[in-house]
C-alpha atoms as a PDB file:
ATOM      1  CA  UNK A   1     132.093  37.341 154.482  1.00  0.00           C
ATOM      2  CA  UNK A   2     135.905  37.929 155.323  1.00  0.00           C
ATOM      3  CA  UNK A   3     137.863  40.442 153.157  1.00  0.00           C
ATOM      4  CA  UNK A   4     140.543  38.323 151.327  1.00  0.00           C
ATOM      5  CA  UNK A   5     143.504  40.232 152.195  1.00  0.00           C
ATOM      6  CA  UNK A   6     145.591  39.058 149.001  1.00  0.00           C
ATOM      7  CA  UNK A   7     143.991  40.374 146.553  1.00  0.00           C
ATOM      8  CA  UNK A   8     145.494  43.685 145.344  1.00  0.00           C
ATOM      9  CA  UNK A   9     144.539  47.598 144.207  1.00  0.00           C
ATOM     10  CA  UNK A  10     145.023  46.993 141.363  1.00  0.00           C
ATOM     11  CA  UNK A  11     143.296  43.187 140.746  1.00  0.00           C
ATOM     12  CA  UNK A  12     140.557  44.702 142.773  1.00  0.00           C
ATOM     13  CA  UNK A  13     136.861  44.880 140.554  1.00  0.00           C
ATOM     14  CA  UNK A  14     133.791  46.895 141.157  1.00  0.00           C
ATOM     15  CA  UNK A  15     131.010  46.874 139.198  1.00  0.00           C
ATOM     16  CA  UNK A  16     128.331  48.869 138.706  1.00  0.00           C
ATOM     17  CA  UNK A  17     124.759  49.139 136.553  1.00  0.00           C
ATOM     18  CA  UNK A  18     124.417  51.530 133.142  1.00  0.00           C
ATOM     19  CA  UNK A  19     120.757  51.940 132.608  1.00  0.00           C
ATOM     20  CA  UNK A  20     119.233  53.956 130.072  1.00  0.00           C
ATOM     21  CA  UNK A  21     115.630  53.814 128.089  1.00  0.00           C
ATOM     22  CA  UNK A  22     115.291  51.173 125.271  1.00  0.00           C
ATOM     23  CA  UNK A  23     116.391  53.444 121.966  1.00  0.00           C
ATOM     24  CA  UNK A  24     118.637  55.473 123.385  1.00  0.00           C
ATOM     25  CA  UNK A  25     121.826  56.359 121.908  1.00  0.00           C
ATOM     26  CA  UNK A  26     125.003  57.000 123.797  1.00  0.00           C
ATOM     27  CA  UNK A  27     126.250  60.604 123.098  1.00  0.00           C
ATOM     28  CA  UNK A  28     129.080  60.847 125.637  1.00  0.00           C
ATOM     29  CA  UNK A  29     130.399  58.866 127.888  1.00  0.00           C
ATOM     30  CA  UNK A  30     133.474  59.834 130.345  1.00  0.00           C
ATOM     31  CA  UNK A  31     135.447  57.090 132.548  1.00  0.00           C
ATOM     32  CA  UNK A  32     136.653  58.832 136.326  1.00  0.00           C
ATOM     33  CA  UNK A  33     138.898  56.856 138.991  1.00  0.00           C
ATOM     34  CA  UNK A  34     140.375  58.108 141.524  1.00  0.00           C
ATOM     35  CA  UNK A  35     142.937  56.867 144.993  1.00  0.00           C
ATOM     36  CA  UNK A  36     145.252  57.604 147.493  1.00  0.00           C
ATOM     37  CA  UNK A  37     148.711  56.080 146.546  1.00  0.00           C
ATOM     38  CA  UNK A  38     152.448  56.127 146.374  1.00  0.00           C
ATOM     39  CA  UNK A  39     154.381  58.605 144.363  1.00  0.00           C
ATOM     40  CA  UNK A  40     153.061  61.868 143.064  1.00  0.00           C
ATOM     41  CA  UNK A  41     152.333  60.771 139.525  1.00  0.00           C
ATOM     42  CA  UNK A  42     148.819  60.032 138.984  1.00  0.00           C
ATOM     43  CA  UNK A  43     147.780  56.739 137.762  1.00  0.00           C
ATOM     44  CA  UNK A  44     146.542  57.564 134.028  1.00  0.00           C
ATOM     45  CA  UNK A  45     145.259  53.919 133.094  1.00  0.00           C
ATOM     46  CA  UNK A  46     142.483  51.724 133.973  1.00  0.00           C
ATOM     47  CA  UNK A  47     140.441  49.055 132.873  1.00  0.00           C
ATOM     48  CA  UNK A  48     136.856  49.066 132.067  1.00  0.00           C
ATOM     49  CA  UNK A  49     134.948  45.983 130.940  1.00  0.00           C
ATOM     50  CA  UNK A  50     130.992  44.902 130.745  1.00  0.00           C
ATOM     51  CA  UNK A  51     129.951  41.430 131.479  1.00  0.00           C
ATOM     52  CA  UNK A  52     130.249  39.352 129.200  1.00  0.00           C
ATOM     53  CA  UNK A  53     132.310  42.131 126.286  1.00  0.00           C
ATOM     54  CA  UNK A  54     135.646  42.438 125.748  1.00  0.00           C
ATOM     55  CA  UNK A  55     138.036  44.108 128.409  1.00  0.00           C
ATOM     56  CA  UNK A  56     138.893  47.905 127.426  1.00  0.00           C
ATOM     57  CA  UNK A  57     142.207  49.731 128.957  1.00  0.00           C
ATOM     58  CA  UNK A  58     141.636  53.607 129.380  1.00  0.00           C
ATOM     59  CA  UNK A  59     144.269  55.797 128.908  1.00  0.00           C
ATOM     60  CA  UNK A  60     143.972  59.299 131.161  1.00  0.00           C
ATOM     61  CA  UNK A  61     143.524  62.328 128.957  1.00  0.00           C
ATOM     62  CA  UNK A  62     143.215  64.573 132.289  1.00  0.00           C
ATOM     63  CA  UNK A  63     144.584  64.148 135.770  1.00  0.00           C
ATOM     64  CA  UNK A  64     145.234  65.726 138.574  1.00  0.00           C
ATOM     65  CA  UNK A  65     147.027  65.258 142.182  1.00  0.00           C
ATOM     66  CA  UNK A  66     146.993  66.548 145.768  1.00  0.00           C
ATOM     67  CA  UNK A  67     149.600  65.775 147.995  1.00  0.00           C
ATOM     68  CA  UNK A  68     147.869  64.020 151.240  1.00  0.00           C
ATOM     69  CA  UNK A  69     149.777  66.362 153.666  1.00  0.00           C
ATOM     70  CA  UNK A  70     150.659  64.734 157.003  1.00  0.00           C
ATOM     71  CA  UNK A  71     154.605  64.237 157.103  1.00  0.00           C
ATOM     72  CA  UNK A  72     153.939  60.579 158.391  1.00  0.00           C
ATOM     73  CA  UNK A  73     153.536  59.577 154.864  1.00  0.00           C
ATOM     74  CA  UNK A  74     155.341  62.569 152.708  1.00  0.00           C
ATOM     75  CA  UNK A  75     155.266  60.358 149.447  1.00  0.00           C
ATOM     76  CA  UNK A  76     151.174  59.385 149.661  1.00  0.00           C
ATOM     77  CA  UNK A  77     149.115  61.680 147.476  1.00  0.00           C
ATOM     78  CA  UNK A  78     145.759  61.821 146.292  1.00  0.00           C
ATOM     79  CA  UNK A  79     144.540  61.872 142.782  1.00  0.00           C
ATOM     80  CA  UNK A  80     141.922  61.761 139.878  1.00  0.00           C
ATOM     81  CA  UNK A  81     142.523  60.894 136.345  1.00  0.00           C
ATOM     82  CA  UNK A  82     140.044  60.657 133.334  1.00  0.00           C
ATOM     83  CA  UNK A  83     139.175  59.148 130.285  1.00  0.00           C
ATOM     84  CA  UNK A  84     137.109  59.262 127.552  1.00  0.00           C
ATOM     85  CA  UNK A  85     135.008  55.954 127.026  1.00  0.00           C
ATOM     86  CA  UNK A  86     132.093  57.080 124.625  1.00  0.00           C
ATOM     87  CA  UNK A  87     133.037  54.766 121.370  1.00  0.00           C
ATOM     88  CA  UNK A  88     133.451  51.499 123.911  1.00  0.00           C
ATOM     89  CA  UNK A  89     129.612  52.534 126.021  1.00  0.00           C
ATOM     90  CA  UNK A  90     128.281  53.367 122.686  1.00  0.00           C
ATOM     91  CA  UNK A  91     129.214  50.085 121.580  1.00  0.00           C
ATOM     92  CA  UNK A  92     128.134  47.809 124.875  1.00  0.00           C
ATOM     93  CA  UNK A  93     125.331  50.161 125.710  1.00  0.00           C
ATOM     94  CA  UNK A  94     123.481  49.530 129.532  1.00  0.00           C
ATOM     95  CA  UNK A  95     124.100  46.583 131.087  1.00  0.00           C
ATOM     96  CA  UNK A  96     127.092  45.687 134.099  1.00  0.00           C
ATOM     97  CA  UNK A  97     129.684  47.722 133.639  1.00  0.00           C
ATOM     98  CA  UNK A  98     133.136  46.790 135.622  1.00  0.00           C
ATOM     99  CA  UNK A  99     136.557  48.302 136.738  1.00  0.00           C
ATOM    100  CA  UNK A 100     139.583  47.725 137.688  1.00  0.00           C
ATOM    101  CA  UNK A 101     143.578  48.431 137.636  1.00  0.00           C
ATOM    102  CA  UNK A 102     142.650  51.942 139.790  1.00  0.00           C
ATOM    103  CA  UNK A 103     145.899  51.711 141.481  1.00  0.00           C
ATOM    104  CA  UNK A 104     146.023  52.934 145.211  1.00  0.00           C
ATOM    105  CA  UNK A 105     147.957  51.933 148.886  1.00  0.00           C
ATOM    106  CA  UNK A 106     147.197  48.514 149.567  1.00  0.00           C
ATOM    107  CA  UNK A 107     144.615  49.100 152.150  1.00  0.00           C
ATOM    108  CA  UNK A 108     145.292  45.386 154.610  1.00  0.00           C
ATOM    109  CA  UNK A 109     147.157  46.417 157.778  1.00  0.00           C
ATOM    110  CA  UNK A 110     146.617  50.078 157.178  1.00  0.00           C
ATOM    111  CA  UNK A 111     145.266  52.170 159.938  1.00  0.00           C
ATOM    112  CA  UNK A 112     144.215  55.572 158.007  1.00  0.00           C
ATOM    113  CA  UNK A 113     140.870  56.815 157.419  1.00  0.00           C
ATOM    114  CA  UNK A 114     141.887  59.050 154.302  1.00  0.00           C
ATOM    115  CA  UNK A 115     141.964  56.129 152.436  1.00  0.00           C
ATOM    116  CA  UNK A 116     139.561  55.569 148.985  1.00  0.00           C
ATOM    117  CA  UNK A 117     139.674  53.993 145.919  1.00  0.00           C
ATOM    118  CA  UNK A 118     136.108  54.697 143.256  1.00  0.00           C
ATOM    119  CA  UNK A 119     135.438  55.230 139.997  1.00  0.00           C
ATOM    120  CA  UNK A 120     132.545  56.812 138.267  1.00  0.00           C
ATOM    121  CA  UNK A 121     131.395  56.927 134.501  1.00  0.00           C
ATOM    122  CA  UNK A 122     129.511  59.239 133.383  1.00  0.00           C
ATOM    123  CA  UNK A 123     127.389  59.088 130.773  1.00  0.00           C
ATOM    124  CA  UNK A 124     124.832  61.450 128.474  1.00  0.00           C
ATOM    125  CA  UNK A 125     122.660  59.970 125.984  1.00  0.00           C
ATOM    126  CA  UNK A 126     120.047  61.048 123.526  1.00  0.00           C
ATOM    127  CA  UNK A 127     116.384  59.383 122.821  1.00  0.00           C
ATOM    128  CA  UNK A 128     114.019  60.620 119.829  1.00  0.00           C
ATOM    129  CA  UNK A 129     110.783  61.553 121.646  1.00  0.00           C
ATOM    130  CA  UNK A 130     112.229  62.537 125.609  1.00  0.00           C
ATOM    131  CA  UNK A 131     112.219  65.932 126.363  1.00  0.00           C
ATOM    132  CA  UNK A 132     115.026  68.643 125.516  1.00  0.00           C
ATOM    133  CA  UNK A 133     117.616  69.030 127.985  1.00  0.00           C
ATOM    134  CA  UNK A 134     120.848  70.605 128.994  1.00  0.00           C
ATOM    135  CA  UNK A 135     123.531  68.458 130.175  1.00  0.00           C
ATOM    136  CA  UNK A 136     127.283  69.563 130.651  1.00  0.00           C
ATOM    137  CA  UNK A 137     129.862  67.998 132.889  1.00  0.00           C
ATOM    138  CA  UNK A 138     131.982  69.866 134.989  1.00  0.00           C
ATOM    139  CA  UNK A 139     135.264  68.022 137.090  1.00  0.00           C
ATOM    140  CA  UNK A 140     138.213  68.672 138.570  1.00  0.00           C
ATOM    141  CA  UNK A 141     139.523  67.862 142.143  1.00  0.00           C
ATOM    142  CA  UNK A 142     139.758  69.753 145.043  1.00  0.00           C
ATOM    143  CA  UNK A 143     140.506  69.222 148.430  1.00  0.00           C
ATOM    144  CA  UNK A 144     138.111  70.247 151.500  1.00  0.00           C
ATOM    145  CA  UNK A 145     140.222  69.928 154.985  1.00  0.00           C
ATOM    146  CA  UNK A 146     140.215  72.041 157.874  1.00  0.00           C
ATOM    147  CA  UNK A 147     142.794  70.566 159.327  1.00  0.00           C
ATOM    148  CA  UNK A 148     145.426  71.804 156.319  1.00  0.00           C
ATOM    149  CA  UNK A 149     143.988  75.420 156.477  1.00  0.00           C
ATOM    150  CA  UNK A 150     141.507  74.397 153.039  1.00  0.00           C
ATOM    151  CA  UNK A 151     138.049  74.077 155.079  1.00  0.00           C
ATOM    152  CA  UNK A 152     135.960  75.522 151.615  1.00  0.00           C
ATOM    153  CA  UNK A 153     136.201  76.473 147.898  1.00  0.00           C
ATOM    154  CA  UNK A 154     133.947  77.557 145.441  1.00  0.00           C
ATOM    155  CA  UNK A 155     133.880  77.283 142.007  1.00  0.00           C
ATOM    156  CA  UNK A 156     131.379  79.399 139.012  1.00  0.00           C
ATOM    157  CA  UNK A 157     129.800  77.113 136.591  1.00  0.00           C
ATOM    158  CA  UNK A 158     128.160  78.067 133.161  1.00  0.00           C
ATOM    159  CA  UNK A 159     127.592  77.691 129.540  1.00  0.00           C
ATOM    160  CA  UNK A 160     123.762  76.810 129.902  1.00  0.00           C
ATOM    161  CA  UNK A 161     120.202  79.208 130.309  1.00  0.00           C
ATOM    162  CA  UNK A 162     117.733  78.446 132.434  1.00  0.00           C
ATOM    163  CA  UNK A 163     114.693  78.865 130.897  1.00  0.00           C
ATOM    164  CA  UNK A 164     110.920  79.943 132.080  1.00  0.00           C
ATOM    165  CA  UNK A 165     108.919  76.468 133.775  1.00  0.00           C
ATOM    166  CA  UNK A 166     112.323  74.920 134.222  1.00  0.00           C
ATOM    167  CA  UNK A 167     112.843  71.936 136.421  1.00  0.00           C
ATOM    168  CA  UNK A 168     117.346  71.493 137.143  1.00  0.00           C
ATOM    169  CA  UNK A 169     119.051  68.292 138.825  1.00  0.00           C
ATOM    170  CA  UNK A 170     122.739  68.752 139.719  1.00  0.00           C
ATOM    171  CA  UNK A 171     125.063  65.207 140.064  1.00  0.00           C
ATOM    172  CA  UNK A 172     127.501  65.350 142.730  1.00  0.00           C
ATOM    173  CA  UNK A 173     130.763  63.076 143.519  1.00  0.00           C
ATOM    174  CA  UNK A 174     133.065  63.438 145.976  1.00  0.00           C
ATOM    175  CA  UNK A 175     135.414  60.643 147.986  1.00  0.00           C
ATOM    176  CA  UNK A 176     136.357  60.860 151.657  1.00  0.00           C
ATOM    177  CA  UNK A 177     133.118  61.836 152.819  1.00  0.00           C
ATOM    178  CA  UNK A 178     132.101  60.010 156.005  1.00  0.00           C
ATOM    179  CA  UNK A 179     128.750  59.635 157.985  1.00  0.00           C
ATOM    180  CA  UNK A 180     130.873  59.134 161.301  1.00  0.00           C
ATOM    181  CA  UNK A 181     132.180  63.055 161.046  1.00  0.00           C
ATOM    182  CA  UNK A 182     129.952  65.681 160.319  1.00  0.00           C
ATOM    183  CA  UNK A 183     130.274  69.894 159.359  1.00  0.00           C
ATOM    184  CA  UNK A 184     130.392  69.242 155.984  1.00  0.00           C
ATOM    185  CA  UNK A 185     128.185  71.558 153.807  1.00  0.00           C
ATOM    186  CA  UNK A 186     127.297  71.784 149.858  1.00  0.00           C
ATOM    187  CA  UNK A 187     125.679  74.793 148.316  1.00  0.00           C
ATOM    188  CA  UNK A 188     124.160  76.721 145.519  1.00  0.00           C
ATOM    189  CA  UNK A 189     123.975  80.355 145.118  1.00  0.00           C
ATOM    190  CA  UNK A 190     124.598  80.301 148.359  1.00  0.00           C
ATOM    191  CA  UNK A 191     121.768  77.899 149.332  1.00  0.00           C
ATOM    192  CA  UNK A 192     122.394  75.373 152.023  1.00  0.00           C
ATOM    193  CA  UNK A 193     121.453  72.008 149.982  1.00  0.00           C
ATOM    194  CA  UNK A 194     119.795  69.567 152.171  1.00  0.00           C
ATOM    195  CA  UNK A 195     117.596  65.916 151.619  1.00  0.00           C
ATOM    196  CA  UNK A 196     116.316  62.396 153.428  1.00  0.00           C
ATOM    197  CA  UNK A 197     119.902  61.272 152.605  1.00  0.00           C
ATOM    198  CA  UNK A 198     122.225  63.936 153.069  1.00  0.00           C
ATOM    199  CA  UNK A 199     121.646  66.644 155.956  1.00  0.00           C
ATOM    200  CA  UNK A 200     122.857  70.049 155.402  1.00  0.00           C
ATOM    201  CA  UNK A 201     125.902  69.530 158.094  1.00  0.00           C
ATOM    202  CA  UNK A 202     126.687  66.143 156.601  1.00  0.00           C
ATOM    203  CA  UNK A 203     125.751  66.135 153.585  1.00  0.00           C
ATOM    204  CA  UNK A 204     128.944  64.356 152.324  1.00  0.00           C
ATOM    205  CA  UNK A 205     128.686  61.079 153.753  1.00  0.00           C
ATOM    206  CA  UNK A 206     129.736  58.028 151.998  1.00  0.00           C
ATOM    207  CA  UNK A 207     126.365  58.002 150.452  1.00  0.00           C
ATOM    208  CA  UNK A 208     124.938  57.098 146.958  1.00  0.00           C
ATOM    209  CA  UNK A 209     121.246  58.902 146.445  1.00  0.00           C
ATOM    210  CA  UNK A 210     118.948  60.053 143.518  1.00  0.00           C
ATOM    211  CA  UNK A 211     117.097  63.195 144.899  1.00  0.00           C
ATOM    212  CA  UNK A 212     116.654  62.252 148.066  1.00  0.00           C
ATOM    213  CA  UNK A 213     116.547  58.166 148.325  1.00  0.00           C
ATOM    214  CA  UNK A 214     119.518  56.071 148.743  1.00  0.00           C
ATOM    215  CA  UNK A 215     120.255  53.911 144.806  1.00  0.00           C
ATOM    216  CA  UNK A 216     121.661  51.198 143.918  1.00  0.00           C
ATOM    217  CA  UNK A 217     121.673  49.216 140.812  1.00  0.00           C
ATOM    218  CA  UNK A 218     120.643  44.953 140.143  1.00  0.00           C
ATOM    219  CA  UNK A 219     124.103  44.040 138.693  1.00  0.00           C
ATOM    220  CA  UNK A 220     126.378  46.586 141.375  1.00  0.00           C
ATOM    221  CA  UNK A 221     129.271  44.419 143.052  1.00  0.00           C
ATOM    222  CA  UNK A 222     129.324  44.880 146.030  1.00  0.00           C
ATOM    223  CA  UNK A 223     125.561  45.260 145.990  1.00  0.00           C
ATOM    224  CA  UNK A 224     125.059  48.104 148.567  1.00  0.00           C
ATOM    225  CA  UNK A 225     121.825  49.932 150.142  1.00  0.00           C
ATOM    226  CA  UNK A 226     123.529  53.387 148.628  1.00  0.00           C
ATOM    227  CA  UNK A 227     122.841  54.848 152.459  1.00  0.00           C
ATOM    228  CA  UNK A 228     125.152  57.157 154.021  1.00  0.00           C
ATOM    229  CA  UNK A 229     128.132  55.196 155.967  1.00  0.00           C
ATOM    230  CA  UNK A 230     127.758  52.353 153.152  1.00  0.00           C
ATOM    231  CA  UNK A 231     129.720  53.516 150.341  1.00  0.00           C
ATOM    232  CA  UNK A 232     133.319  53.239 151.981  1.00  0.00           C
ATOM    233  CA  UNK A 233     134.325  56.757 151.109  1.00  0.00           C
ATOM    234  CA  UNK A 234     132.235  57.784 147.743  1.00  0.00           C
ATOM    235  CA  UNK A 235     129.901  60.117 147.758  1.00  0.00           C
ATOM    236  CA  UNK A 236     127.680  60.084 144.701  1.00  0.00           C
ATOM    237  CA  UNK A 237     124.604  62.155 145.069  1.00  0.00           C
ATOM    238  CA  UNK A 238     122.069  63.809 142.706  1.00  0.00           C
ATOM    239  CA  UNK A 239     119.868  66.892 144.098  1.00  0.00           C
ATOM    240  CA  UNK A 240     117.267  68.924 142.755  1.00  0.00           C
ATOM    241  CA  UNK A 241     118.144  72.346 142.600  1.00  0.00           C
ATOM    242  CA  UNK A 242     115.338  73.583 141.299  1.00  0.00           C
ATOM    243  CA  UNK A 243     114.531  75.795 143.894  1.00  0.00           C
ATOM    244  CA  UNK A 244     118.306  77.573 143.591  1.00  0.00           C
ATOM    245  CA  UNK A 245     118.514  78.739 140.260  1.00  0.00           C
ATOM    246  CA  UNK A 246     116.077  81.313 138.541  1.00  0.00           C
ATOM    247  CA  UNK A 247     115.156  81.353 135.026  1.00  0.00           C
ATOM    248  CA  UNK A 248     117.717  83.812 132.895  1.00  0.00           C
ATOM    249  CA  UNK A 249     120.348  82.637 135.034  1.00  0.00           C
ATOM    250  CA  UNK A 250     123.560  81.233 132.957  1.00  0.00           C
ATOM    251  CA  UNK A 251     125.771  80.328 135.522  1.00  0.00           C
ATOM    252  CA  UNK A 252     125.765  79.132 139.378  1.00  0.00           C
ATOM    253  CA  UNK A 253     127.967  79.017 142.520  1.00  0.00           C
ATOM    254  CA  UNK A 254     128.847  75.944 143.965  1.00  0.00           C
ATOM    255  CA  UNK A 255     130.184  75.979 147.036  1.00  0.00           C
ATOM    256  CA  UNK A 256     131.721  73.444 149.745  1.00  0.00           C
ATOM    257  CA  UNK A 257     132.725  73.985 153.150  1.00  0.00           C
ATOM    258  CA  UNK A 258     133.768  71.695 156.554  1.00  0.00           C
ATOM    259  CA  UNK A 259     134.240  72.534 160.465  1.00  0.00           C
ATOM    260  CA  UNK A 260     135.544  69.053 161.011  1.00  0.00           C
ATOM    261  CA  UNK A 261     135.508  66.218 158.196  1.00  0.00           C
ATOM    262  CA  UNK A 262     137.332  66.105 154.950  1.00  0.00           C
ATOM    263  CA  UNK A 263     136.677  65.950 151.180  1.00  0.00           C
ATOM    264  CA  UNK A 264     137.518  65.923 148.133  1.00  0.00           C
ATOM    265  CA  UNK A 265     135.304  67.018 145.434  1.00  0.00           C
ATOM    266  CA  UNK A 266     135.128  65.370 141.687  1.00  0.00           C
ATOM    267  CA  UNK A 267     132.577  66.633 139.851  1.00  0.00           C
ATOM    268  CA  UNK A 268     129.780  68.298 138.869  1.00  0.00           C
ATOM    269  CA  UNK A 269     126.883  66.787 136.374  1.00  0.00           C
ATOM    270  CA  UNK A 270     123.950  69.383 135.584  1.00  0.00           C
ATOM    271  CA  UNK A 271     120.509  68.859 133.834  1.00  0.00           C
ATOM    272  CA  UNK A 272     117.707  71.401 132.588  1.00  0.00           C
ATOM    273  CA  UNK A 273     115.013  71.765 131.074  1.00  0.00           C
ATOM    274  CA  UNK A 274     115.939  73.313 127.765  1.00  0.00           C
ATOM    275  CA  UNK A 275     112.574  74.460 126.403  1.00  0.00           C
ATOM    276  CA  UNK A 276     114.657  75.218 122.938  1.00  0.00           C
ATOM    277  CA  UNK A 277     112.642  73.792 119.755  1.00  0.00           C
ATOM    278  CA  UNK A 278     113.995  70.426 118.861  1.00  0.00           C
ATOM    279  CA  UNK A 279     113.589  70.652 114.497  1.00  0.00           C
ATOM    280  CA  UNK A 280     114.749  66.469 114.823  1.00  0.00           C
ATOM    281  CA  UNK A 281     117.453  65.777 111.732  1.00  0.00           C
ATOM    282  CA  UNK A 282     118.233  68.718 109.794  1.00  0.00           C
ATOM    283  CA  UNK A 283     119.455  68.478 106.154  1.00  0.00           C
ATOM    284  CA  UNK A 284     121.197  72.021 103.990  1.00  0.00           C
ATOM    285  CA  UNK A 285     120.706  72.226  99.782  1.00  0.00           C
ATOM    286  CA  UNK A 286     122.333  74.948  98.043  1.00  0.00           C
ATOM    287  CA  UNK A 287     120.984  76.149  94.592  1.00  0.00           C
ATOM    288  CA  UNK A 288     123.404  78.141  92.187  1.00  0.00           C
ATOM    289  CA  UNK A 289     120.302  80.183  91.131  1.00  0.00           C
ATOM    290  CA  UNK A 290     122.732  82.134  88.155  1.00  0.00           C
ATOM    291  CA  UNK A 291     124.140  78.228  87.086  1.00  0.00           C
ATOM    292  CA  UNK A 292     127.147  77.267  85.620  1.00  0.00           C
ATOM    293  CA  UNK A 293     129.988  77.590  88.100  1.00  0.00           C
ATOM    294  CA  UNK A 294     129.973  79.260  91.030  1.00  0.00           C
ATOM    295  CA  UNK A 295     131.458  82.526  91.580  1.00  0.00           C
ATOM    296  CA  UNK A 296     132.196  85.278  93.432  1.00  0.00           C
ATOM    297  CA  UNK A 297     128.925  87.148  93.295  1.00  0.00           C
ATOM    298  CA  UNK A 298     126.149  84.294  91.947  1.00  0.00           C
ATOM    299  CA  UNK A 299     122.942  84.175  94.333  1.00  0.00           C
ATOM    300  CA  UNK A 300     122.838  81.311  96.445  1.00  0.00           C
ATOM    301  CA  UNK A 301     119.656  79.238  97.060  1.00  0.00           C
ATOM    302  CA  UNK A 302     119.120  77.220 100.691  1.00  0.00           C
ATOM    303  CA  UNK A 303     116.813  75.116 101.302  1.00  0.00           C
ATOM    304  CA  UNK A 304     116.664  73.666 105.022  1.00  0.00           C
ATOM    305  CA  UNK A 305     114.850  70.374 105.360  1.00  0.00           C
ATOM    306  CA  UNK A 306     113.699  69.373 109.522  1.00  0.00           C
ATOM    307  CA  UNK A 307     111.787  65.978 110.283  1.00  0.00           C
END
């Protein structure tokens, strides 16, 4: 097959398969889109649609911009933008989700190995009867580029409590990782993370993996394997981090560094066992024991009912 060089960056559309169990209800969904573009302003709109469903124009409520960094193209900038799509995803649910209208530099005839255009959708759902988990989303936009003096970065993620007898997973999405170039590492609490698809010295390698295995969805377009080098400058990897966090932890230090390869970190999602009791749907009623109009000093009896 030959690429159609007449299709512009904003006309290009890709599809990904959203899979959820029957009976699941979407609680939160967020769309991210990112690229290398001309101009120092992020593209703050993108188009989301379901195959057979309506088109949704998504407007970013957050965005980040980073200079390209080379004098040859002073007007080039990397950006990432993000918008809430909870209502739309809750309405349409699982299926073939598609994104277009992402502004980027035209790639036809351009010889640059740092170009990318990609999107990510993070969806949190709830399914009655499933075990409880603490889910958290952390985002930002950080460049790791040893040639420009930023060989490493780290951030402390917090807002969770690791219980005894837990398991923990983390998904990371990043841009411009290359399989051909190595020297890049990903670490949790100072321990290098690796698996069968993401070597310790080449973690960000244009792969899409889940717990050490390449992953792709049935409705993905283009339909690729997810193996290293197949994702055209985009990384989406879910790793098991049970061994690098401990019961009682309320934070984790996430680090990335590189001696050669460059990449840009976009966000992290954590999923950790939650041992808190699940009381189901709860209601609370109150009765004024003194009767009559409720006044300061009255005795109030509360009843909490859990299903």
